N, C-alpha and C. Protein backbone atom coordinates (compact mmCIF):
# COMPACT_ATOMS: atom_id res chain seq x y z
N VAL A 1 101.97 108.28 83.58
CA VAL A 1 103.02 108.01 84.43
C VAL A 1 102.83 108.72 85.72
N SER A 2 103.06 108.11 86.78
CA SER A 2 103.10 108.71 88.05
C SER A 2 104.11 109.75 88.41
N LEU A 3 103.84 111.02 88.59
CA LEU A 3 104.86 111.91 89.01
C LEU A 3 105.04 111.91 90.55
N GLY A 4 104.12 111.36 91.17
CA GLY A 4 104.20 111.31 92.70
C GLY A 4 102.92 111.96 93.36
N TYR A 5 102.95 112.07 94.56
CA TYR A 5 101.94 112.48 95.42
C TYR A 5 102.28 113.80 96.15
N ASP A 6 101.33 114.64 96.24
CA ASP A 6 101.51 115.95 96.84
C ASP A 6 100.57 116.23 97.93
N ARG A 7 100.86 117.06 99.00
CA ARG A 7 99.84 117.35 99.88
C ARG A 7 99.18 116.07 100.63
N VAL A 8 100.05 115.19 101.04
CA VAL A 8 99.63 114.08 101.69
C VAL A 8 99.40 114.32 103.07
N ARG A 9 98.20 114.17 103.58
CA ARG A 9 97.93 114.40 104.99
C ARG A 9 97.29 113.39 105.77
N PHE A 10 97.66 112.95 106.78
CA PHE A 10 96.99 111.99 107.62
C PHE A 10 96.17 112.55 108.72
N LEU A 11 94.87 112.61 108.70
CA LEU A 11 93.89 113.42 109.51
C LEU A 11 93.47 112.74 110.77
N ALA A 12 93.49 111.44 110.76
CA ALA A 12 92.90 110.64 111.96
C ALA A 12 93.65 109.44 111.91
N PRO A 13 93.61 108.73 113.17
CA PRO A 13 94.23 107.41 113.21
C PRO A 13 93.47 106.19 112.47
N VAL A 14 94.15 105.39 112.07
CA VAL A 14 93.58 104.08 111.48
C VAL A 14 94.00 102.93 112.32
N PHE A 15 93.09 102.02 112.78
CA PHE A 15 93.50 100.97 113.63
C PHE A 15 93.33 99.72 112.92
N ILE A 16 94.12 98.56 113.43
CA ILE A 16 93.88 97.25 112.89
C ILE A 16 92.37 96.86 112.93
N GLY A 17 91.88 96.32 111.85
CA GLY A 17 90.48 95.95 111.81
C GLY A 17 89.54 97.03 111.22
N ASP A 18 90.08 98.16 111.08
CA ASP A 18 89.29 99.18 110.37
C ASP A 18 89.13 98.92 108.88
N THR A 19 88.13 99.35 108.37
CA THR A 19 87.81 99.38 106.85
C THR A 19 88.13 100.71 106.24
N VAL A 20 88.84 100.85 105.44
CA VAL A 20 89.26 102.21 104.83
C VAL A 20 88.94 102.19 103.25
N THR A 21 88.08 103.22 102.82
CA THR A 21 87.60 103.26 101.50
C THR A 21 88.24 104.45 100.89
N LEU A 22 88.86 104.28 99.69
CA LEU A 22 89.47 105.31 98.97
C LEU A 22 88.53 105.89 97.86
N THR A 23 88.44 107.14 97.64
CA THR A 23 87.86 107.81 96.50
C THR A 23 89.04 108.52 95.74
N TYR A 24 89.09 108.17 94.44
CA TYR A 24 90.08 108.75 93.49
C TYR A 24 89.32 109.49 92.46
N THR A 25 89.38 110.92 92.43
CA THR A 25 88.68 111.72 91.52
C THR A 25 89.64 112.64 90.75
N ILE A 26 89.63 112.56 89.35
CA ILE A 26 90.33 113.40 88.45
C ILE A 26 89.79 114.85 88.82
N ALA A 27 90.67 115.81 89.28
CA ALA A 27 90.23 117.07 89.51
C ALA A 27 90.67 118.08 88.57
N GLU A 28 91.79 117.96 87.94
CA GLU A 28 92.39 118.82 86.96
C GLU A 28 92.96 118.13 85.72
N ILE A 29 92.76 118.73 84.60
CA ILE A 29 93.34 118.14 83.27
C ILE A 29 93.90 119.27 82.49
N ASP A 30 95.22 119.15 82.26
CA ASP A 30 96.00 120.22 81.43
C ASP A 30 96.41 119.58 80.14
N PRO A 31 95.57 119.63 79.12
CA PRO A 31 95.90 118.87 77.85
C PRO A 31 97.27 119.41 77.25
N GLN A 32 97.60 120.74 77.28
CA GLN A 32 98.76 121.38 76.78
C GLN A 32 99.97 120.86 77.52
N LYS A 33 99.94 120.68 78.70
CA LYS A 33 101.05 120.09 79.34
C LYS A 33 101.07 118.60 79.54
N ARG A 34 100.02 118.02 78.98
CA ARG A 34 99.72 116.58 79.06
C ARG A 34 99.92 116.05 80.60
N ARG A 35 99.10 116.59 81.39
CA ARG A 35 99.30 116.28 82.90
C ARG A 35 97.78 116.32 83.42
N SER A 36 97.64 115.63 84.48
CA SER A 36 96.31 115.70 85.31
C SER A 36 96.71 115.54 86.81
N VAL A 37 95.73 115.99 87.52
CA VAL A 37 95.76 115.85 89.04
C VAL A 37 94.60 115.14 89.49
N ALA A 38 94.71 114.18 90.46
CA ALA A 38 93.59 113.52 91.04
C ALA A 38 93.66 113.83 92.52
N GLU A 39 92.47 113.85 93.15
CA GLU A 39 92.19 114.10 94.50
C GLU A 39 91.93 112.68 95.09
N ILE A 40 92.60 112.49 96.25
CA ILE A 40 92.39 111.07 96.92
C ILE A 40 91.85 111.40 98.26
N ASN A 41 90.82 110.66 98.64
CA ASN A 41 90.23 110.85 100.05
C ASN A 41 90.07 109.51 100.64
N ALA A 42 90.55 109.21 101.76
CA ALA A 42 90.45 108.05 102.53
C ALA A 42 89.47 108.16 103.69
N VAL A 43 88.43 107.35 103.83
CA VAL A 43 87.36 107.35 104.83
C VAL A 43 87.35 106.09 105.50
N ASN A 44 87.19 106.16 106.78
CA ASN A 44 87.11 104.74 107.64
C ASN A 44 85.67 104.46 107.64
N GLN A 45 85.30 103.26 108.29
CA GLN A 45 83.97 102.67 108.34
C GLN A 45 82.89 103.52 109.03
N HIS A 46 83.44 104.55 109.86
CA HIS A 46 82.59 105.42 110.54
C HIS A 46 82.23 106.72 109.77
N GLY A 47 82.80 106.76 108.57
CA GLY A 47 82.73 108.03 107.75
C GLY A 47 83.76 109.17 108.04
N THR A 48 84.64 108.84 108.83
CA THR A 48 85.62 109.90 109.18
C THR A 48 86.65 109.98 108.14
N LEU A 49 87.02 111.11 107.68
CA LEU A 49 88.04 111.35 106.75
C LEU A 49 89.33 111.06 107.53
N VAL A 50 90.20 110.20 107.09
CA VAL A 50 91.33 109.80 107.73
C VAL A 50 92.58 110.17 106.98
N GLY A 51 92.54 110.47 105.70
CA GLY A 51 93.62 110.86 104.91
C GLY A 51 93.24 111.59 103.62
N VAL A 52 94.11 112.47 103.05
CA VAL A 52 93.90 113.08 101.79
C VAL A 52 95.24 113.11 101.17
N ALA A 53 95.22 113.28 99.76
CA ALA A 53 96.39 113.50 98.97
C ALA A 53 96.02 113.98 97.56
N ARG A 54 97.06 114.34 96.91
CA ARG A 54 96.83 114.75 95.34
C ARG A 54 97.81 113.83 94.60
N HIS A 55 97.37 113.18 93.56
CA HIS A 55 98.22 112.24 92.69
C HIS A 55 98.50 113.07 91.46
N LEU A 56 99.75 113.39 91.13
CA LEU A 56 100.18 114.06 89.99
C LEU A 56 100.45 113.01 88.84
N LEU A 57 99.97 113.19 87.65
CA LEU A 57 100.18 112.25 86.57
C LEU A 57 100.66 112.99 85.33
N ALA A 58 101.58 112.39 84.60
CA ALA A 58 101.99 112.91 83.15
C ALA A 58 101.52 111.88 82.22
N TRP A 59 101.00 112.37 81.09
CA TRP A 59 100.44 111.42 80.03
C TRP A 59 101.70 111.07 79.11
N VAL A 60 101.74 109.82 78.70
CA VAL A 60 102.66 109.45 77.71
C VAL A 60 102.06 108.81 76.56
N ASP A 61 102.75 108.93 75.40
CA ASP A 61 102.31 108.37 74.13
C ASP A 61 102.90 107.03 73.91
N ASN A 62 102.12 105.95 74.01
CA ASN A 62 102.55 104.58 73.86
C ASN A 62 102.40 104.03 72.38
N MET A 63 101.98 105.05 71.50
CA MET A 63 101.69 104.51 70.17
C MET A 63 102.86 104.56 69.19
N GLY A 64 104.01 104.77 69.76
CA GLY A 64 105.00 104.70 68.80
C GLY A 64 106.23 105.51 69.23
């Protein structure tokens, strides 16, 4: 379950017609708290980092 986003930063402008590629990497796992944190990087077609964020996740048990 998504707990939300943290440290969202827009580092450079993005224009109509730009191609933006996102990289989503699991950066931290805490099995005791049943949570994880992912790092998100957004890069335009020129290789410029245009945005970053952290995605906070809570694990749920859907087995019963």
